[in-house]
Amino acid sequence: MPTYEYSCKACDHGFETEQRITADPLKTCPKCHADQLIRLVGTGNFILKGSGWYSDLYSGSGSASSTPSAESTTPAPTPSAPTTPASSD
């Protein structure tokens, strides 16, 4: 079921709720009970399930582009500060 975001114009209360796509939008605010609710446009959830889908967007294992090279894993050398001889006072 999709998650919808709502906001009340009367009390500025915002919340999310799961509803069927065919369900009518809510009209009454659960906090102040005013009929001032509006449905907001949300980002939505998109989850890939099943075999063959990976979080790095590559659907195959063992590809050359998905394995890091040795050059990219070695840290860059850090420059050292110039040393000055200590003065004896």
PDB file of N, CA and C in Angstrom:
ATOM      1  N   MET A   1       0.837  -1.183   0.000  1.00  0.00           N
ATOM      2  CA  MET A   1       0.000   0.000   0.000  1.00  0.00           C
ATOM      3  C   MET A   1       0.881   1.244   0.000  1.00  0.00           C
ATOM      4  N   PRO A   2       0.509   2.252  -0.737  1.00  0.00           N
ATOM      5  CA  PRO A   2       1.297   3.485  -0.766  1.00  0.00           C
ATOM      6  C   PRO A   2       1.111   4.312   0.506  1.00  0.00           C
ATOM      7  N   THR A   3       2.130   5.103   0.812  1.00  0.00           N
ATOM      8  CA  THR A   3       2.092   6.011   1.951  1.00  0.00           C
ATOM      9  C   THR A   3       1.802   7.416   1.431  1.00  0.00           C
ATOM     10  N   TYR A   4       0.806   8.065   2.033  1.00  0.00           N
ATOM     11  CA  TYR A   4       0.435   9.422   1.637  1.00  0.00           C
ATOM     12  C   TYR A   4       0.749  10.389   2.764  1.00  0.00           C
ATOM     13  N   GLU A   5       1.152  11.597   2.395  1.00  0.00           N
ATOM     14  CA  GLU A   5       1.426  12.655   3.358  1.00  0.00           C
ATOM     15  C   GLU A   5       0.254  13.630   3.365  1.00  0.00           C
ATOM     16  N   TYR A   6      -0.125  14.060   4.558  1.00  0.00           N
ATOM     17  CA  TYR A   6      -1.219  15.011   4.723  1.00  0.00           C
ATOM     18  C   TYR A   6      -0.744  16.171   5.578  1.00  0.00           C
ATOM     19  N   SER A   7      -1.377  17.334   5.390  1.00  0.00           N
ATOM     20  CA  SER A   7      -1.125  18.513   6.199  1.00  0.00           C
ATOM     21  C   SER A   7      -2.452  19.207   6.462  1.00  0.00           C
ATOM     22  N   CYS A   8      -2.616  19.686   7.696  1.00  0.00           N
ATOM     23  CA  CYS A   8      -3.846  20.386   8.067  1.00  0.00           C
ATOM     24  C   CYS A   8      -3.627  21.883   7.907  1.00  0.00           C
ATOM     25  N   LYS A   9      -4.542  22.549   7.207  1.00  0.00           N
ATOM     26  CA  LYS A   9      -4.456  23.998   7.024  1.00  0.00           C
ATOM     27  C   LYS A   9      -4.790  24.739   8.313  1.00  0.00           C
ATOM     28  N   ALA A  10      -5.604  24.142   9.181  1.00  0.00           N
ATOM     29  CA  ALA A  10      -6.041  24.821  10.401  1.00  0.00           C
ATOM     30  C   ALA A  10      -4.951  24.832  11.478  1.00  0.00           C
ATOM     31  N   CYS A  11      -4.342  23.670  11.761  1.00  0.00           N
ATOM     32  CA  CYS A  11      -3.374  23.597  12.867  1.00  0.00           C
ATOM     33  C   CYS A  11      -1.958  23.299  12.405  1.00  0.00           C
ATOM     34  N   ASP A  12      -1.728  23.154  11.101  1.00  0.00           N
ATOM     35  CA  ASP A  12      -0.420  22.887  10.515  1.00  0.00           C
ATOM     36  C   ASP A  12       0.163  21.551  10.969  1.00  0.00           C
ATOM     37  N   HIS A  13      -0.688  20.626  11.338  1.00  0.00           N
ATOM     38  CA  HIS A  13      -0.263  19.275  11.732  1.00  0.00           C
ATOM     39  C   HIS A  13       0.006  18.467  10.467  1.00  0.00           C
ATOM     40  N   GLY A  14       1.153  17.789  10.426  1.00  0.00           N
ATOM     41  CA  GLY A  14       1.503  16.960   9.281  1.00  0.00           C
ATOM     42  C   GLY A  14       1.691  15.517   9.714  1.00  0.00           C
ATOM     43  N   PHE A  15       1.298  14.581   8.861  1.00  0.00           N
ATOM     44  CA  PHE A  15       1.447  13.174   9.181  1.00  0.00           C
ATOM     45  C   PHE A  15       1.421  12.350   7.908  1.00  0.00           C
ATOM     46  N   GLU A  16       1.821  11.088   8.035  1.00  0.00           N
ATOM     47  CA  GLU A  16       1.785  10.133   6.927  1.00  0.00           C
ATOM     48  C   GLU A  16       0.844   8.998   7.295  1.00  0.00           C
ATOM     49  N   THR A  17       0.212   8.415   6.291  1.00  0.00           N
ATOM     50  CA  THR A  17      -0.654   7.271   6.512  1.00  0.00           C
ATOM     51  C   THR A  17      -0.639   6.368   5.288  1.00  0.00           C
ATOM     52  N   GLU A  18      -0.829   5.078   5.518  1.00  0.00           N
ATOM     53  CA  GLU A  18      -0.918   4.132   4.414  1.00  0.00           C
ATOM     54  C   GLU A  18      -2.379   3.996   4.011  1.00  0.00           C
ATOM     55  N   GLN A  19      -2.622   4.095   2.722  1.00  0.00           N
ATOM     56  CA  GLN A  19      -3.974   3.975   2.182  1.00  0.00           C
ATOM     57  C   GLN A  19      -3.922   3.226   0.870  1.00  0.00           C
ATOM     58  N   ARG A  20      -5.032   2.618   0.535  1.00  0.00           N
ATOM     59  CA  ARG A  20      -5.151   2.011  -0.786  1.00  0.00           C
ATOM     60  C   ARG A  20      -5.197   3.115  -1.840  1.00  0.00           C
ATOM     61  N   ILE A  21      -4.793   2.769  -3.032  1.00  0.00           N
ATOM     62  CA  ILE A  21      -4.814   3.748  -4.122  1.00  0.00           C
ATOM     63  C   ILE A  21      -6.240   4.170  -4.433  1.00  0.00           C
ATOM     64  N   THR A  22      -7.176   3.255  -4.285  1.00  0.00           N
ATOM     65  CA  THR A  22      -8.575   3.546  -4.611  1.00  0.00           C
ATOM     66  C   THR A  22      -9.311   4.257  -3.487  1.00  0.00           C
ATOM     67  N   ALA A  23      -8.697   4.417  -2.310  1.00  0.00           N
ATOM     68  CA  ALA A  23      -9.360   5.067  -1.178  1.00  0.00           C
ATOM     69  C   ALA A  23      -9.461   6.569  -1.409  1.00  0.00           C
ATOM     70  N   ASP A  24     -10.533   7.168  -0.900  1.00  0.00           N
ATOM     71  CA  ASP A  24     -10.703   8.618  -0.975  1.00  0.00           C
ATOM     72  C   ASP A  24      -9.713   9.297  -0.034  1.00  0.00           C
ATOM     73  N   PRO A  25      -9.249  10.501  -0.387  1.00  0.00           N
ATOM     74  CA  PRO A  25      -8.346  11.228   0.517  1.00  0.00           C
ATOM     75  C   PRO A  25      -9.030  11.539   1.843  1.00  0.00           C
ATOM     76  N   LEU A  26      -8.227  11.579   2.920  1.00  0.00           N
ATOM     77  CA  LEU A  26      -8.770  11.938   4.224  1.00  0.00           C
ATOM     78  C   LEU A  26      -9.161  13.402   4.226  1.00  0.00           C
ATOM     79  N   LYS A  27     -10.150  13.748   5.032  1.00  0.00           N
ATOM     80  CA  LYS A  27     -10.624  15.132   5.089  1.00  0.00           C
ATOM     81  C   LYS A  27     -10.535  15.731   6.480  1.00  0.00           C
ATOM     82  N   THR A  28     -10.590  14.902   7.535  1.00  0.00           N
ATOM     83  CA  THR A  28     -10.627  15.389   8.908  1.00  0.00           C
ATOM     84  C   THR A  28      -9.274  15.192   9.587  1.00  0.00           C
ATOM     85  N   CYS A  29      -8.756  16.247  10.208  1.00  0.00           N
ATOM     86  CA  CYS A  29      -7.485  16.206  10.906  1.00  0.00           C
ATOM     87  C   CYS A  29      -7.634  15.398  12.194  1.00  0.00           C
ATOM     88  N   PRO A  30      -6.718  14.443  12.448  1.00  0.00           N
ATOM     89  CA  PRO A  30      -6.825  13.661  13.683  1.00  0.00           C
ATOM     90  C   PRO A  30      -6.441  14.459  14.931  1.00  0.00           C
ATOM     91  N   LYS A  31      -5.772  15.604  14.779  1.00  0.00           N
ATOM     92  CA  LYS A  31      -5.347  16.401  15.934  1.00  0.00           C
ATOM     93  C   LYS A  31      -6.396  17.430  16.350  1.00  0.00           C
ATOM     94  N   CYS A  32      -6.864  18.257  15.393  1.00  0.00           N
ATOM     95  CA  CYS A  32      -7.815  19.325  15.741  1.00  0.00           C
ATOM     96  C   CYS A  32      -9.228  19.040  15.258  1.00  0.00           C
ATOM     97  N   HIS A  33      -9.423  17.960  14.513  1.00  0.00           N
ATOM     98  CA  HIS A  33     -10.727  17.511  13.991  1.00  0.00           C
ATOM     99  C   HIS A  33     -11.385  18.503  13.034  1.00  0.00           C
ATOM    100  N   ALA A  34     -10.589  19.380  12.415  1.00  0.00           N
ATOM    101  CA  ALA A  34     -11.112  20.298  11.402  1.00  0.00           C
ATOM    102  C   ALA A  34     -11.085  19.601  10.048  1.00  0.00           C
ATOM    103  N   ASP A  35     -11.986  19.997   9.177  1.00  0.00           N
ATOM    104  CA  ASP A  35     -12.047  19.440   7.826  1.00  0.00           C
ATOM    105  C   ASP A  35     -11.157  20.257   6.890  1.00  0.00           C
ATOM    106  N   GLN A  36      -9.872  20.367   7.220  1.00  0.00           N
ATOM    107  CA  GLN A  36      -8.937  21.206   6.470  1.00  0.00           C
ATOM    108  C   GLN A  36      -7.719  20.432   5.961  1.00  0.00           C
ATOM    109  N   LEU A  37      -7.821  19.114   5.831  1.00  0.00           N
ATOM    110  CA  LEU A  37      -6.674  18.320   5.385  1.00  0.00           C
ATOM    111  C   LEU A  37      -6.459  18.442   3.887  1.00  0.00           C
ATOM    112  N   ILE A  38      -5.193  18.488   3.495  1.00  0.00           N
ATOM    113  CA  ILE A  38      -4.834  18.421   2.084  1.00  0.00           C
ATOM    114  C   ILE A  38      -3.786  17.326   1.923  1.00  0.00           C
ATOM    115  N   ARG A  39      -3.863  16.585   0.829  1.00  0.00           N
ATOM    116  CA  ARG A  39      -2.879  15.543   0.534  1.00  0.00           C
ATOM    117  C   ARG A  39      -1.708  16.189  -0.177  1.00  0.00           C
ATOM    118  N   LEU A  40      -0.513  15.942   0.333  1.00  0.00           N
ATOM    119  CA  LEU A  40       0.699  16.507  -0.239  1.00  0.00           C
ATOM    120  C   LEU A  40       1.286  15.560  -1.264  1.00  0.00           C
ATOM    121  N   VAL A  41       2.082  16.102  -2.150  1.00  0.00           N
ATOM    122  CA  VAL A  41       2.785  15.291  -3.129  1.00  0.00           C
ATOM    123  C   VAL A  41       4.074  14.832  -2.465  1.00  0.00           C
ATOM    124  N   GLY A  42       4.229  13.535  -2.290  1.00  0.00           N
ATOM    125  CA  GLY A  42       5.407  12.987  -1.623  1.00  0.00           C
ATOM    126  C   GLY A  42       6.362  12.351  -2.609  1.00  0.00           C
ATOM    127  N   THR A  43       7.496  11.935  -2.096  1.00  0.00           N
ATOM    128  CA  THR A  43       8.495  11.302  -2.939  1.00  0.00           C
ATOM    129  C   THR A  43       8.180   9.844  -3.196  1.00  0.00           C
ATOM    130  N   GLY A  44       7.507   9.212  -2.268  1.00  0.00           N
ATOM    131  CA  GLY A  44       7.151   7.811  -2.452  1.00  0.00           C
ATOM    132  C   GLY A  44       8.298   6.879  -2.130  1.00  0.00           C
ATOM    133  N   ASN A  45       7.990   5.609  -2.039  1.00  0.00           N
ATOM    134  CA  ASN A  45       8.991   4.586  -1.753  1.00  0.00           C
ATOM    135  C   ASN A  45       9.153   3.712  -2.981  1.00  0.00           C
ATOM    136  N   PHE A  46      10.399   3.381  -3.290  1.00  0.00           N
ATOM    137  CA  PHE A  46      10.674   2.507  -4.414  1.00  0.00           C
ATOM    138  C   PHE A  46      11.719   1.509  -3.964  1.00  0.00           C
ATOM    139  N   ILE A  47      11.306   0.260  -3.800  1.00  0.00           N
ATOM    140  CA  ILE A  47      12.199  -0.778  -3.308  1.00  0.00           C
ATOM    141  C   ILE A  47      12.244  -1.897  -4.330  1.00  0.00           C
ATOM    142  N   LEU A  48      13.447  -2.255  -4.729  1.00  0.00           N
ATOM    143  CA  LEU A  48      13.630  -3.374  -5.645  1.00  0.00           C
ATOM    144  C   LEU A  48      13.833  -4.635  -4.827  1.00  0.00           C
ATOM    145  N   LYS A  49      13.029  -5.651  -5.088  1.00  0.00           N
ATOM    146  CA  LYS A  49      13.145  -6.907  -4.363  1.00  0.00           C
ATOM    147  C   LYS A  49      13.379  -8.026  -5.359  1.00  0.00           C
ATOM    148  N   GLY A  50      14.041  -9.061  -4.891  1.00  0.00           N
ATOM    149  CA  GLY A  50      14.271 -10.219  -5.730  1.00  0.00           C
ATOM    150  C   GLY A  50      15.724 -10.339  -6.116  1.00  0.00           C
ATOM    151  N   SER A  51      16.056 -11.445  -6.721  1.00  0.00           N
ATOM    152  CA  SER A  51      17.445 -11.658  -7.105  1.00  0.00           C
ATOM    153  C   SER A  51      17.770 -10.862  -8.363  1.00  0.00           C
ATOM    154  N   GLY A  52      19.003 -10.434  -8.469  1.00  0.00           N
ATOM    155  CA  GLY A  52      19.423  -9.703  -9.651  1.00  0.00           C
ATOM    156  C   GLY A  52      19.431  -8.205  -9.480  1.00  0.00           C
ATOM    157  N   TRP A  53      18.931  -7.676  -8.363  1.00  0.00           N
ATOM    158  CA  TRP A  53      18.931  -6.234  -8.151  1.00  0.00           C
ATOM    159  C   TRP A  53      19.899  -5.917  -7.033  1.00  0.00           C
ATOM    160  N   TYR A  54      20.756  -4.960  -7.255  1.00  0.00           N
ATOM    161  CA  TYR A  54      21.758  -4.588  -6.289  1.00  0.00           C
ATOM    162  C   TYR A  54      21.661  -3.090  -6.009  1.00  0.00           C
ATOM    163  N   SER A  55      22.152  -2.681  -4.849  1.00  0.00           N
ATOM    164  CA  SER A  55      22.056  -1.283  -4.465  1.00  0.00           C
ATOM    165  C   SER A  55      22.939  -0.376  -5.308  1.00  0.00           C
ATOM    166  N   ASP A  56      23.964  -0.935  -5.990  1.00  0.00           N
ATOM    167  CA  ASP A  56      24.830  -0.109  -6.819  1.00  0.00           C
ATOM    168  C   ASP A  56      24.322   0.004  -8.256  1.00  0.00           C
ATOM    169  N   LEU A  57      23.130  -0.479  -8.515  1.00  0.00           N
ATOM    170  CA  LEU A  57      22.427  -0.382  -9.790  1.00  0.00           C
ATOM    171  C   LEU A  57      23.009  -1.258 -10.887  1.00  0.00           C
ATOM    172  N   TYR A  58      23.921  -2.156 -10.543  1.00  0.00           N
ATOM    173  CA  TYR A  58      24.428  -3.119 -11.506  1.00  0.00           C
ATOM    174  C   TYR A  58      23.756  -4.458 -11.227  1.00  0.00           C
ATOM    175  N   SER A  59      23.232  -5.089 -12.246  1.00  0.00           N
ATOM    176  CA  SER A  59      22.490  -6.321 -12.028  1.00  0.00           C
ATOM    177  C   SER A  59      23.332  -7.566 -12.211  1.00  0.00           C
ATOM    178  N   GLY A  60      24.608  -7.440 -12.378  1.00  0.00           N
ATOM    179  CA  GLY A  60      25.448  -8.616 -12.529  1.00  0.00           C
ATOM    180  C   GLY A  60      26.602  -8.590 -11.549  1.00  0.00           C
ATOM    181  N   SER A  61      27.080  -9.758 -11.178  1.00  0.00           N
ATOM    182  CA  SER A  61      28.230  -9.789 -10.288  1.00  0.00           C
ATOM    183  C   SER A  61      29.480 -10.114 -11.114  1.00  0.00           C
ATOM    184  N   GLY A  62      30.610  -9.672 -10.633  1.00  0.00           N
ATOM    185  CA  GLY A  62      31.866  -9.963 -11.299  1.00  0.00           C
ATOM    186  C   GLY A  62      32.190  -9.033 -12.449  1.00  0.00           C
ATOM    187  N   SER A  63      31.468  -7.960 -12.613  1.00  0.00           N
ATOM    188  CA  SER A  63      31.799  -7.037 -13.700  1.00  0.00           C
ATOM    189  C   SER A  63      33.022  -6.222 -13.318  1.00  0.00           C
ATOM    190  N   ALA A  64      33.796  -5.834 -14.292  1.00  0.00           N
ATOM    191  CA  ALA A  64      35.044  -5.117 -14.035  1.00  0.00           C
ATOM    192  C   ALA A  64      34.781  -3.733 -13.469  1.00  0.00           C
ATOM    193  N   SER A  65      33.681  -3.107 -13.835  1.00  0.00           N
ATOM    194  CA  SER A  65      33.422  -1.750 -13.371  1.00  0.00           C
ATOM    195  C   SER A  65      32.951  -1.709 -11.927  1.00  0.00           C
ATOM    196  N   SER A  66      32.467  -2.826 -11.376  1.00  0.00           N
ATOM    197  CA  SER A  66      31.969  -2.794 -10.008  1.00  0.00           C
ATOM    198  C   SER A  66      33.030  -3.137  -8.987  1.00  0.00           C
ATOM    199  N   THR A  67      34.199  -3.648  -9.404  1.00  0.00           N
ATOM    200  CA  THR A  67      35.263  -3.959  -8.466  1.00  0.00           C
ATOM    201  C   THR A  67      36.241  -2.802  -8.434  1.00  0.00           C
ATOM    202  N   PRO A  68      36.604  -2.334  -7.236  1.00  0.00           N
ATOM    203  CA  PRO A  68      37.524  -1.203  -7.166  1.00  0.00           C
ATOM    204  C   PRO A  68      38.923  -1.620  -7.572  1.00  0.00           C
ATOM    205  N   SER A  69      39.639  -0.725  -8.209  1.00  0.00           N
ATOM    206  CA  SER A  69      41.009  -1.014  -8.627  1.00  0.00           C
ATOM    207  C   SER A  69      41.955  -0.744  -7.469  1.00  0.00           C
ATOM    208  N   ALA A  70      43.173  -1.247  -7.577  1.00  0.00           N
ATOM    209  CA  ALA A  70      44.157  -1.056  -6.522  1.00  0.00           C
ATOM    210  C   ALA A  70      44.557   0.408  -6.400  1.00  0.00           C
ATOM    211  N   GLU A  71      44.510   1.151  -7.509  1.00  0.00           N
ATOM    212  CA  GLU A  71      44.881   2.557  -7.476  1.00  0.00           C
ATOM    213  C   GLU A  71      43.905   3.377  -6.648  1.00  0.00           C
ATOM    214  N   SER A  72      42.624   3.058  -6.721  1.00  0.00           N
ATOM    215  CA  SER A  72      41.630   3.866  -6.020  1.00  0.00           C
ATOM    216  C   SER A  72      41.560   3.535  -4.540  1.00  0.00           C
ATOM    217  N   THR A  73      42.124   2.395  -4.094  1.00  0.00           N
ATOM    218  CA  THR A  73      42.029   2.025  -2.697  1.00  0.00           C
ATOM    219  C   THR A  73      43.244   2.474  -1.893  1.00  0.00           C
ATOM    220  N   THR A  74      44.329   2.877  -2.540  1.00  0.00           N
ATOM    221  CA  THR A  74      45.504   3.330  -1.799  1.00  0.00           C
ATOM    222  C   THR A  74      45.328   4.788  -1.433  1.00  0.00           C
ATOM    223  N   PRO A  75      45.630   5.146  -0.177  1.00  0.00           N
ATOM    224  CA  PRO A  75      45.446   6.544   0.224  1.00  0.00           C
ATOM    225  C   PRO A  75      46.506   7.438  -0.404  1.00  0.00           C
ATOM    226  N   ALA A  76      46.140   8.656  -0.640  1.00  0.00           N
ATOM    227  CA  ALA A  76      47.060   9.628  -1.222  1.00  0.00           C
ATOM    228  C   ALA A  76      48.055  10.051  -0.150  1.00  0.00           C
ATOM    229  N   PRO A  77      49.312  10.295  -0.516  1.00  0.00           N
ATOM    230  CA  PRO A  77      50.290  10.716   0.486  1.00  0.00           C
ATOM    231  C   PRO A  77      49.940  12.105   1.001  1.00  0.00           C
ATOM    232  N   THR A  78      50.139  12.281   2.300  1.00  0.00           N
ATOM    233  CA  THR A  78      49.852  13.586   2.890  1.00  0.00           C
ATOM    234  C   THR A  78      51.127  14.398   2.940  1.00  0.00           C
ATOM    235  N   PRO A  79      51.067  15.660   2.558  1.00  0.00           N
ATOM    236  CA  PRO A  79      52.277  16.477   2.592  1.00  0.00           C
ATOM    237  C   PRO A  79      52.675  16.754   4.036  1.00  0.00           C
ATOM    238  N   SER A  80      53.955  16.695   4.322  1.00  0.00           N
ATOM    239  CA  SER A  80      54.414  16.972   5.682  1.00  0.00           C
ATOM    240  C   SER A  80      54.790  18.444   5.790  1.00  0.00           C
ATOM    241  N   ALA A  81      54.689  18.956   7.000  1.00  0.00           N
ATOM    242  CA  ALA A  81      55.010  20.361   7.234  1.00  0.00           C
ATOM    243  C   ALA A  81      56.522  20.529   7.222  1.00  0.00           C
ATOM    244  N   PRO A  82      57.025  21.650   6.702  1.00  0.00           N
ATOM    245  CA  PRO A  82      58.474  21.859   6.694  1.00  0.00           C
ATOM    246  C   PRO A  82      58.990  21.969   8.125  1.00  0.00           C
ATOM    247  N   THR A  83      60.136  21.394   8.380  1.00  0.00           N
ATOM    248  CA  THR A  83      60.700  21.434   9.718  1.00  0.00           C
ATOM    249  C   THR A  83      61.708  22.579   9.809  1.00  0.00           C
ATOM    250  N   THR A  84      61.737  23.230  10.932  1.00  0.00           N
ATOM    251  CA  THR A  84      62.694  24.311  11.164  1.00  0.00           C
ATOM    252  C   THR A  84      63.549  23.913  12.363  1.00  0.00           C
ATOM    253  N   PRO A  85      64.813  24.262  12.350  1.00  0.00           N
ATOM    254  CA  PRO A  85      65.648  23.893  13.483  1.00  0.00           C
ATOM    255  C   PRO A  85      65.191  24.635  14.739  1.00  0.00           C
ATOM    256  N   ALA A  86      65.242  23.935  15.864  1.00  0.00           N
ATOM    257  CA  ALA A  86      64.828  24.535  17.127  1.00  0.00           C
ATOM    258  C   ALA A  86      65.892  25.505  17.602  1.00  0.00           C
ATOM    259  N   SER A  87      65.482  26.624  18.060  1.00  0.00           N
ATOM    260  CA  SER A  87      66.437  27.612  18.557  1.00  0.00           C
ATOM    261  C   SER A  87      66.707  27.340  20.025  1.00  0.00           C
ATOM    262  N   SER A  88      67.920  27.525  20.435  1.00  0.00           N
ATOM    263  CA  SER A  88      68.267  27.301  21.846  1.00  0.00           C
ATOM    264  C   SER A  88      68.394  28.673  22.512  1.00  0.00           C
ATOM    265  N   ASP A  89      67.545  28.921  23.448  1.00  0.00           N
ATOM    266  CA  ASP A  89      67.565  30.209  24.191  1.00  0.00           C
ATOM    267  C   ASP A  89      68.035  30.028  25.580  1.00  0.00           C
TER     268      ASP A  89
END
